């Protein structure tokens, strides 16, 4: 299953990405234990304050729980939590 997160940020994409990359690196073992695989991150060319990330996950519950437990940390990155749209896609 693929989870996509689209959201707005309150800082520059470079600032947000540096925080995100460091956070993903620090949580590498946790993410692996949950079978979460970050796939990519990107900003909207026409609206640089809009970001999308894509993760592979075994199920939606893992992502929803991870997001709830890490909300304060995620917000520190510049991620505007209330702007988040989370979608799940099944692939073969």
PDB file of N, CA and C in Angstrom:
ATOM      1  N   UNK A   1       0.853  -1.166   0.000  1.00  0.00           N
ATOM      2  CA  UNK A   1       0.000   0.000   0.000  1.00  0.00           C
ATOM      3  C   UNK A   1       0.904   1.235   0.000  1.00  0.00           C
ATOM      4  N   UNK A   2       0.467   2.251  -0.711  1.00  0.00           N
ATOM      5  CA  UNK A   2       1.190   3.517  -0.788  1.00  0.00           C
ATOM      6  C   UNK A   2       0.384   4.586  -0.063  1.00  0.00           C
ATOM      7  N   UNK A   3       1.058   5.338   0.799  1.00  0.00           N
ATOM      8  CA  UNK A   3       0.441   6.479   1.483  1.00  0.00           C
ATOM      9  C   UNK A   3       1.039   7.753   0.901  1.00  0.00           C
ATOM     10  N   UNK A   4       0.183   8.683   0.518  1.00  0.00           N
ATOM     11  CA  UNK A   4       0.658   9.999   0.085  1.00  0.00           C
ATOM     12  C   UNK A   4       0.159  11.034   1.080  1.00  0.00           C
ATOM     13  N   UNK A   5       1.035  11.947   1.390  1.00  0.00           N
ATOM     14  CA  UNK A   5       0.727  13.052   2.288  1.00  0.00           C
ATOM     15  C   UNK A   5       0.948  14.328   1.492  1.00  0.00           C
ATOM     16  N   UNK A   6      -0.052  15.151   1.375  1.00  0.00           N
ATOM     17  CA  UNK A   6       0.144  16.472   0.778  1.00  0.00           C
ATOM     18  C   UNK A   6      -0.216  17.495   1.849  1.00  0.00           C
ATOM     19  N   UNK A   7       0.576  18.556   1.908  1.00  0.00           N
ATOM     20  CA  UNK A   7       0.408  19.534   2.981  1.00  0.00           C
ATOM     21  C   UNK A   7       1.164  20.810   2.641  1.00  0.00           C
ATOM     22  N   UNK A   8       0.909  21.832   3.425  1.00  0.00           N
ATOM     23  CA  UNK A   8       1.613  23.103   3.282  1.00  0.00           C
ATOM     24  C   UNK A   8       2.685  23.193   4.359  1.00  0.00           C
ATOM     25  N   UNK A   9       3.712  23.998   4.059  1.00  0.00           N
ATOM     26  CA  UNK A   9       4.780  24.239   5.022  1.00  0.00           C
ATOM     27  C   UNK A   9       4.877  25.734   5.303  1.00  0.00           C
ATOM     28  N   UNK A  10       5.382  26.055   6.488  1.00  0.00           N
ATOM     29  CA  UNK A  10       5.492  27.454   6.900  1.00  0.00           C
ATOM     30  C   UNK A  10       6.892  28.017   6.701  1.00  0.00           C
ATOM     31  N   UNK A  11       7.799  27.210   6.187  1.00  0.00           N
ATOM     32  CA  UNK A  11       9.169  27.640   5.927  1.00  0.00           C
ATOM     33  C   UNK A  11       9.525  27.269   4.492  1.00  0.00           C
ATOM     34  N   UNK A  12      10.791  27.391   4.128  1.00  0.00           N
ATOM     35  CA  UNK A  12      11.177  27.028   2.759  1.00  0.00           C
ATOM     36  C   UNK A  12      11.230  25.508   2.623  1.00  0.00           C
ATOM     37  N   UNK A  13      11.133  25.035   1.384  1.00  0.00           N
ATOM     38  CA  UNK A  13      11.214  23.595   1.155  1.00  0.00           C
ATOM     39  C   UNK A  13      12.571  23.064   1.602  1.00  0.00           C
ATOM     40  N   UNK A  14      13.639  23.795   1.342  1.00  0.00           N
ATOM     41  CA  UNK A  14      14.973  23.342   1.753  1.00  0.00           C
ATOM     42  C   UNK A  14      15.067  23.184   3.271  1.00  0.00           C
ATOM     43  N   UNK A  15      14.496  24.134   4.011  1.00  0.00           N
ATOM     44  CA  UNK A  15      14.500  24.032   5.475  1.00  0.00           C
ATOM     45  C   UNK A  15      13.669  22.838   5.927  1.00  0.00           C
ATOM     46  N   UNK A  16      12.472  22.701   5.344  1.00  0.00           N
ATOM     47  CA  UNK A  16      11.620  21.575   5.714  1.00  0.00           C
ATOM     48  C   UNK A  16      12.307  20.251   5.372  1.00  0.00           C
ATOM     49  N   UNK A  17      12.881  20.156   4.175  1.00  0.00           N
ATOM     50  CA  UNK A  17      13.502  18.913   3.713  1.00  0.00           C
ATOM     51  C   UNK A  17      14.693  18.524   4.589  1.00  0.00           C
ATOM     52  N   UNK A  18      15.470  19.493   5.034  1.00  0.00           N
ATOM     53  CA  UNK A  18      16.609  19.194   5.908  1.00  0.00           C
ATOM     54  C   UNK A  18      16.117  18.571   7.217  1.00  0.00           C
ATOM     55  N   UNK A  19      15.061  19.140   7.792  1.00  0.00           N
ATOM     56  CA  UNK A  19      14.482  18.591   9.021  1.00  0.00           C
ATOM     57  C   UNK A  19      13.934  17.189   8.754  1.00  0.00           C
ATOM     58  N   UNK A  20      13.163  17.046   7.689  1.00  0.00           N
ATOM     59  CA  UNK A  20      12.549  15.756   7.336  1.00  0.00           C
ATOM     60  C   UNK A  20      13.621  14.682   7.126  1.00  0.00           C
ATOM     61  N   UNK A  21      14.629  14.991   6.331  1.00  0.00           N
ATOM     62  CA  UNK A  21      15.673  14.002   6.044  1.00  0.00           C
ATOM     63  C   UNK A  21      16.391  13.570   7.318  1.00  0.00           C
ATOM     64  N   UNK A  22      16.690  14.522   8.191  1.00  0.00           N
ATOM     65  CA  UNK A  22      17.344  14.202   9.456  1.00  0.00           C
ATOM     66  C   UNK A  22      16.430  13.345  10.333  1.00  0.00           C
ATOM     67  N   UNK A  23      15.161  13.704  10.392  1.00  0.00           N
ATOM     68  CA  UNK A  23      14.199  12.964  11.203  1.00  0.00           C
ATOM     69  C   UNK A  23      14.029  11.532  10.695  1.00  0.00           C
ATOM     70  N   UNK A  24      13.934  11.371   9.389  1.00  0.00           N
ATOM     71  CA  UNK A  24      13.811  10.030   8.797  1.00  0.00           C
ATOM     72  C   UNK A  24      15.051   9.205   9.123  1.00  0.00           C
ATOM     73  N   UNK A  25      16.215   9.830   9.049  1.00  0.00           N
ATOM     74  CA  UNK A  25      17.460   9.140   9.367  1.00  0.00           C
ATOM     75  C   UNK A  25      17.481   8.692  10.831  1.00  0.00           C
ATOM     76  N   UNK A  26      17.053   9.585  11.734  1.00  0.00           N
ATOM     77  CA  UNK A  26      17.019   9.253  13.160  1.00  0.00           C
ATOM     78  C   UNK A  26      16.001   8.156  13.470  1.00  0.00           C
ATOM     79  N   UNK A  27      14.930   8.081  12.701  1.00  0.00           N
ATOM     80  CA  UNK A  27      13.868   7.100  12.948  1.00  0.00           C
ATOM     81  C   UNK A  27      13.980   5.872  12.033  1.00  0.00           C
ATOM     82  N   UNK A  28      15.124   5.705  11.398  1.00  0.00           N
ATOM     83  CA  UNK A  28      15.304   4.624  10.426  1.00  0.00           C
ATOM     84  C   UNK A  28      14.929   3.253  11.009  1.00  0.00           C
ATOM     85  N   UNK A  29      15.444   2.936  12.187  1.00  0.00           N
ATOM     86  CA  UNK A  29      15.159   1.625  12.786  1.00  0.00           C
ATOM     87  C   UNK A  29      13.678   1.462  13.114  1.00  0.00           C
ATOM     88  N   UNK A  30      13.061   2.515  13.641  1.00  0.00           N
ATOM     89  CA  UNK A  30      11.631   2.466  13.950  1.00  0.00           C
ATOM     90  C   UNK A  30      10.816   2.256  12.680  1.00  0.00           C
ATOM     91  N   UNK A  31      11.114   3.027  11.643  1.00  0.00           N
ATOM     92  CA  UNK A  31      10.378   2.893  10.383  1.00  0.00           C
ATOM     93  C   UNK A  31      10.532   1.492   9.804  1.00  0.00           C
ATOM     94  N   UNK A  32      11.755   0.957   9.850  1.00  0.00           N
ATOM     95  CA  UNK A  32      11.980  -0.402   9.350  1.00  0.00           C
ATOM     96  C   UNK A  32      11.189  -1.419  10.163  1.00  0.00           C
ATOM     97  N   UNK A  33      11.126  -1.244  11.480  1.00  0.00           N
ATOM     98  CA  UNK A  33      10.384  -2.194  12.321  1.00  0.00           C
ATOM     99  C   UNK A  33       8.887  -2.158  12.022  1.00  0.00           C
ATOM    100  N   UNK A  34       8.391  -1.015  11.533  1.00  0.00           N
ATOM    101  CA  UNK A  34       6.980  -0.874  11.165  1.00  0.00           C
ATOM    102  C   UNK A  34       6.728  -1.199   9.691  1.00  0.00           C
ATOM    103  N   UNK A  35       7.793  -1.547   8.966  1.00  0.00           N
ATOM    104  CA  UNK A  35       7.737  -1.822   7.522  1.00  0.00           C
ATOM    105  C   UNK A  35       7.275  -0.608   6.725  1.00  0.00           C
ATOM    106  N   UNK A  36       7.655   0.589   7.197  1.00  0.00           N
ATOM    107  CA  UNK A  36       7.388   1.830   6.468  1.00  0.00           C
ATOM    108  C   UNK A  36       8.630   2.165   5.654  1.00  0.00           C
ATOM    109  N   UNK A  37       8.426   2.438   4.358  1.00  0.00           N
ATOM    110  CA  UNK A  37       9.543   2.783   3.472  1.00  0.00           C
ATOM    111  C   UNK A  37       9.281   4.144   2.834  1.00  0.00           C
ATOM    112  N   UNK A  38       9.953   5.200   3.328  1.00  0.00           N
ATOM    113  CA  UNK A  38       9.823   6.497   2.657  1.00  0.00           C
ATOM    114  C   UNK A  38      10.326   6.375   1.216  1.00  0.00           C
ATOM    115  N   UNK A  39       9.535   6.868   0.258  1.00  0.00           N
ATOM    116  CA  UNK A  39       9.870   6.713  -1.154  1.00  0.00           C
ATOM    117  C   UNK A  39      10.378   8.008  -1.783  1.00  0.00           C
ATOM    118  N   UNK A  40       9.654   9.112  -1.585  1.00  0.00           N
ATOM    119  CA  UNK A  40      10.126  10.385  -2.122  1.00  0.00           C
ATOM    120  C   UNK A  40       9.425  11.542  -1.444  1.00  0.00           C
ATOM    121  N   UNK A  41       9.990  12.719  -1.671  1.00  0.00           N
ATOM    122  CA  UNK A  41       9.424  13.976  -1.200  1.00  0.00           C
ATOM    123  C   UNK A  41       9.635  15.000  -2.299  1.00  0.00           C
ATOM    124  N   UNK A  42       8.702  15.927  -2.443  1.00  0.00           N
ATOM    125  CA  UNK A  42       8.819  16.933  -3.505  1.00  0.00           C
ATOM    126  C   UNK A  42       7.964  18.140  -3.157  1.00  0.00           C
ATOM    127  N   UNK A  43       8.355  19.281  -3.738  1.00  0.00           N
ATOM    128  CA  UNK A  43       7.536  20.486  -3.581  1.00  0.00           C
ATOM    129  C   UNK A  43       6.870  20.803  -4.909  1.00  0.00           C
ATOM    130  N   UNK A  44       5.747  21.477  -4.824  1.00  0.00           N
ATOM    131  CA  UNK A  44       4.991  21.890  -6.002  1.00  0.00           C
ATOM    132  C   UNK A  44       5.763  23.005  -6.710  1.00  0.00           C
ATOM    133  N   UNK A  45       6.038  22.838  -7.980  1.00  0.00           N
ATOM    134  CA  UNK A  45       6.793  23.824  -8.755  1.00  0.00           C
ATOM    135  C   UNK A  45       6.080  25.171  -8.767  1.00  0.00           C
ATOM    136  N   UNK A  46       4.761  25.148  -8.847  1.00  0.00           N
ATOM    137  CA  UNK A  46       3.988  26.386  -8.938  1.00  0.00           C
ATOM    138  C   UNK A  46       3.610  26.974  -7.578  1.00  0.00           C
ATOM    139  N   UNK A  47       3.748  26.198  -6.534  1.00  0.00           N
ATOM    140  CA  UNK A  47       3.417  26.660  -5.178  1.00  0.00           C
ATOM    141  C   UNK A  47       4.400  25.996  -4.210  1.00  0.00           C
ATOM    142  N   UNK A  48       5.580  26.574  -4.028  1.00  0.00           N
ATOM    143  CA  UNK A  48       6.645  25.926  -3.258  1.00  0.00           C
ATOM    144  C   UNK A  48       6.312  25.626  -1.798  1.00  0.00           C
ATOM    145  N   UNK A  49       5.222  26.212  -1.282  1.00  0.00           N
ATOM    146  CA  UNK A  49       4.830  25.899   0.094  1.00  0.00           C
ATOM    147  C   UNK A  49       3.946  24.652   0.169  1.00  0.00           C
ATOM    148  N   UNK A  50       3.713  23.994  -0.962  1.00  0.00           N
ATOM    149  CA  UNK A  50       2.959  22.736  -1.005  1.00  0.00           C
ATOM    150  C   UNK A  50       3.927  21.580  -1.225  1.00  0.00           C
ATOM    151  N   UNK A  51       3.810  20.583  -0.361  1.00  0.00           N
ATOM    152  CA  UNK A  51       4.737  19.453  -0.365  1.00  0.00           C
ATOM    153  C   UNK A  51       3.942  18.161  -0.475  1.00  0.00           C
ATOM    154  N   UNK A  52       4.566  17.165  -1.088  1.00  0.00           N
ATOM    155  CA  UNK A  52       4.004  15.817  -1.105  1.00  0.00           C
ATOM    156  C   UNK A  52       5.110  14.854  -0.699  1.00  0.00           C
ATOM    157  N   UNK A  53       4.739  13.876   0.126  1.00  0.00           N
ATOM    158  CA  UNK A  53       5.647  12.775   0.416  1.00  0.00           C
ATOM    159  C   UNK A  53       4.899  11.479   0.152  1.00  0.00           C
ATOM    160  N   UNK A  54       5.645  10.443  -0.129  1.00  0.00           N
ATOM    161  CA  UNK A  54       5.068   9.148  -0.466  1.00  0.00           C
ATOM    162  C   UNK A  54       5.823   8.074   0.312  1.00  0.00           C
ATOM    163  N   UNK A  55       5.081   7.243   1.020  1.00  0.00           N
ATOM    164  CA  UNK A  55       5.655   6.142   1.789  1.00  0.00           C
ATOM    165  C   UNK A  55       4.964   4.845   1.401  1.00  0.00           C
ATOM    166  N   UNK A  56       5.715   3.769   1.417  1.00  0.00           N
ATOM    167  CA  UNK A  56       5.130   2.440   1.288  1.00  0.00           C
ATOM    168  C   UNK A  56       4.868   1.923   2.704  1.00  0.00           C
ATOM    169  N   UNK A  57       3.717   1.291   2.902  1.00  0.00           N
ATOM    170  CA  UNK A  57       3.314   0.825   4.226  1.00  0.00           C
ATOM    171  C   UNK A  57       2.489  -0.452   4.105  1.00  0.00           C
ATOM    172  N   UNK A  58       2.528  -1.320   5.110  1.00  0.00           N
ATOM    173  CA  UNK A  58       1.696  -2.520   5.049  1.00  0.00           C
ATOM    174  C   UNK A  58       0.202  -2.220   5.185  1.00  0.00           C
ATOM    175  N   UNK A  59      -0.141  -1.136   5.930  1.00  0.00           N
ATOM    176  CA  UNK A  59      -1.553  -0.792   6.092  1.00  0.00           C
ATOM    177  C   UNK A  59      -1.707   0.642   6.589  1.00  0.00           C
ATOM    178  N   UNK A  60      -2.898   1.161   6.497  1.00  0.00           N
ATOM    179  CA  UNK A  60      -3.158   2.557   6.858  1.00  0.00           C
ATOM    180  C   UNK A  60      -3.075   2.798   8.357  1.00  0.00           C
ATOM    181  N   UNK A  61      -3.416   1.797   9.170  1.00  0.00           N
ATOM    182  CA  UNK A  61      -3.411   1.976  10.618  1.00  0.00           C
ATOM    183  C   UNK A  61      -2.021   2.328  11.138  1.00  0.00           C
ATOM    184  N   UNK A  62      -0.995   1.705  10.570  1.00  0.00           N
ATOM    185  CA  UNK A  62       0.379   1.994  10.988  1.00  0.00           C
ATOM    186  C   UNK A  62       0.708   3.461  10.740  1.00  0.00           C
ATOM    187  N   UNK A  63       0.338   3.968   9.587  1.00  0.00           N
ATOM    188  CA  UNK A  63       0.617   5.368   9.248  1.00  0.00           C
ATOM    189  C   UNK A  63      -0.179   6.303  10.152  1.00  0.00           C
ATOM    190  N   UNK A  64      -1.445   6.025  10.339  1.00  0.00           N
ATOM    191  CA  UNK A  64      -2.285   6.888  11.173  1.00  0.00           C
ATOM    192  C   UNK A  64      -1.763   6.941  12.606  1.00  0.00           C
ATOM    193  N   UNK A  65      -1.339   5.802  13.147  1.00  0.00           N
ATOM    194  CA  UNK A  65      -0.792   5.767  14.502  1.00  0.00           C
ATOM    195  C   UNK A  65       0.547   6.502  14.566  1.00  0.00           C
ATOM    196  N   UNK A  66       1.402   6.270  13.584  1.00  0.00           N
ATOM    197  CA  UNK A  66       2.702   6.948  13.543  1.00  0.00           C
ATOM    198  C   UNK A  66       2.512   8.460  13.508  1.00  0.00           C
ATOM    199  N   UNK A  67       1.611   8.932  12.663  1.00  0.00           N
ATOM    200  CA  UNK A  67       1.360  10.374  12.553  1.00  0.00           C
ATOM    201  C   UNK A  67       0.838  10.941  13.873  1.00  0.00           C
ATOM    202  N   UNK A  68      -0.077  10.250  14.516  1.00  0.00           N
ATOM    203  CA  UNK A  68      -0.641  10.731  15.779  1.00  0.00           C
ATOM    204  C   UNK A  68       0.431  10.810  16.864  1.00  0.00           C
ATOM    205  N   UNK A  69       1.292   9.807  16.932  1.00  0.00           N
ATOM    206  CA  UNK A  69       2.329   9.773  17.961  1.00  0.00           C
ATOM    207  C   UNK A  69       3.434  10.794  17.709  1.00  0.00           C
ATOM    208  N   UNK A  70       3.616  11.224  16.476  1.00  0.00           N
ATOM    209  CA  UNK A  70       4.715  12.117  16.121  1.00  0.00           C
ATOM    210  C   UNK A  70       4.260  13.508  15.695  1.00  0.00           C
ATOM    211  N   UNK A  71       3.012  13.858  15.974  1.00  0.00           N
ATOM    212  CA  UNK A  71       2.452  15.121  15.485  1.00  0.00           C
ATOM    213  C   UNK A  71       3.258  16.345  15.925  1.00  0.00           C
ATOM    214  N   UNK A  72       3.661  16.411  17.183  1.00  0.00           N
ATOM    215  CA  UNK A  72       4.408  17.581  17.670  1.00  0.00           C
ATOM    216  C   UNK A  72       5.743  17.711  16.947  1.00  0.00           C
ATOM    217  N   UNK A  73       6.428  16.604  16.767  1.00  0.00           N
ATOM    218  CA  UNK A  73       7.710  16.627  16.066  1.00  0.00           C
ATOM    219  C   UNK A  73       7.527  17.008  14.602  1.00  0.00           C
ATOM    220  N   UNK A  74       6.495  16.474  13.976  1.00  0.00           N
ATOM    221  CA  UNK A  74       6.215  16.786  12.574  1.00  0.00           C
ATOM    222  C   UNK A  74       5.953  18.280  12.417  1.00  0.00           C
ATOM    223  N   UNK A  75       5.213  18.861  13.341  1.00  0.00           N
ATOM    224  CA  UNK A  75       4.908  20.292  13.279  1.00  0.00           C
ATOM    225  C   UNK A  75       6.172  21.146  13.404  1.00  0.00           C
ATOM    226  N   UNK A  76       7.170  20.672  14.151  1.00  0.00           N
ATOM    227  CA  UNK A  76       8.424  21.418  14.302  1.00  0.00           C
ATOM    228  C   UNK A  76       9.158  21.589  12.977  1.00  0.00           C
ATOM    229  N   UNK A  77       8.888  20.723  12.022  1.00  0.00           N
ATOM    230  CA  UNK A  77       9.564  20.787  10.723  1.00  0.00           C
ATOM    231  C   UNK A  77       9.083  21.948   9.870  1.00  0.00           C
ATOM    232  N   UNK A  78       7.944  22.541  10.246  1.00  0.00           N
ATOM    233  CA  UNK A  78       7.305  23.556   9.414  1.00  0.00           C
ATOM    234  C   UNK A  78       6.071  23.017   8.716  1.00  0.00           C
ATOM    235  N   UNK A  79       5.800  21.735   8.879  1.00  0.00           N
ATOM    236  CA  UNK A  79       4.623  21.065   8.318  1.00  0.00           C
ATOM    237  C   UNK A  79       3.386  21.627   9.019  1.00  0.00           C
ATOM    238  N   UNK A  80       2.467  22.185   8.265  1.00  0.00           N
ATOM    239  CA  UNK A  80       1.225  22.718   8.827  1.00  0.00           C
ATOM    240  C   UNK A  80       0.236  21.555   8.914  1.00  0.00           C
ATOM    241  N   UNK A  81       0.117  21.001  10.116  1.00  0.00           N
ATOM    242  CA  UNK A  81      -0.632  19.759  10.344  1.00  0.00           C
ATOM    243  C   UNK A  81      -2.051  19.824   9.791  1.00  0.00           C
ATOM    244  N   UNK A  82      -2.759  20.921  10.063  1.00  0.00           N
ATOM    245  CA  UNK A  82      -4.166  21.004   9.659  1.00  0.00           C
ATOM    246  C   UNK A  82      -4.352  21.071   8.145  1.00  0.00           C
ATOM    247  N   UNK A  83      -3.277  21.279   7.394  1.00  0.00           N
ATOM    248  CA  UNK A  83      -3.381  21.313   5.928  1.00  0.00           C
ATOM    249  C   UNK A  83      -3.191  19.936   5.297  1.00  0.00           C
ATOM    250  N   UNK A  84      -2.899  18.927   6.096  1.00  0.00           N
ATOM    251  CA  UNK A  84      -2.530  17.607   5.584  1.00  0.00           C
ATOM    252  C   UNK A  84      -3.708  16.867   4.963  1.00  0.00           C
ATOM    253  N   UNK A  85      -3.476  16.346   3.770  1.00  0.00           N
ATOM    254  CA  UNK A  85      -4.392  15.412   3.124  1.00  0.00           C
ATOM    255  C   UNK A  85      -3.637  14.096   2.989  1.00  0.00           C
ATOM    256  N   UNK A  86      -4.187  13.052   3.575  1.00  0.00           N
ATOM    257  CA  UNK A  86      -3.568  11.735   3.563  1.00  0.00           C
ATOM    258  C   UNK A  86      -4.431  10.810   2.715  1.00  0.00           C
ATOM    259  N   UNK A  87      -3.799  10.167   1.723  1.00  0.00           N
ATOM    260  CA  UNK A  87      -4.518   9.226   0.849  1.00  0.00           C
ATOM    261  C   UNK A  87      -3.743   7.920   0.781  1.00  0.00           C
ATOM    262  N   UNK A  88      -4.480   6.845   0.567  1.00  0.00           N
ATOM    263  CA  UNK A  88      -3.881   5.514   0.477  1.00  0.00           C
ATOM    264  C   UNK A  88      -4.228   4.887  -0.868  1.00  0.00           C
ATOM    265  N   UNK A  89      -3.231   4.248  -1.471  1.00  0.00           N
ATOM    266  CA  UNK A  89      -3.395   3.622  -2.779  1.00  0.00           C
ATOM    267  C   UNK A  89      -2.892   2.186  -2.707  1.00  0.00           C
ATOM    268  N   UNK A  90      -3.633   1.287  -3.308  1.00  0.00           N
ATOM    269  CA  UNK A  90      -3.218  -0.111  -3.389  1.00  0.00           C
ATOM    270  C   UNK A  90      -2.472  -0.315  -4.699  1.00  0.00           C
ATOM    271  N   UNK A  91      -1.368  -1.027  -4.635  1.00  0.00           N
ATOM    272  CA  UNK A  91      -0.624  -1.332  -5.862  1.00  0.00           C
ATOM    273  C   UNK A  91      -0.365  -2.826  -5.928  1.00  0.00           C
ATOM    274  N   UNK A  92       0.005  -3.277  -7.104  1.00  0.00           N
ATOM    275  CA  UNK A  92       0.268  -4.714  -7.251  1.00  0.00           C
ATOM    276  C   UNK A  92       1.704  -4.949  -7.614  1.00  0.00           C
TER     277      UNK A  92
END
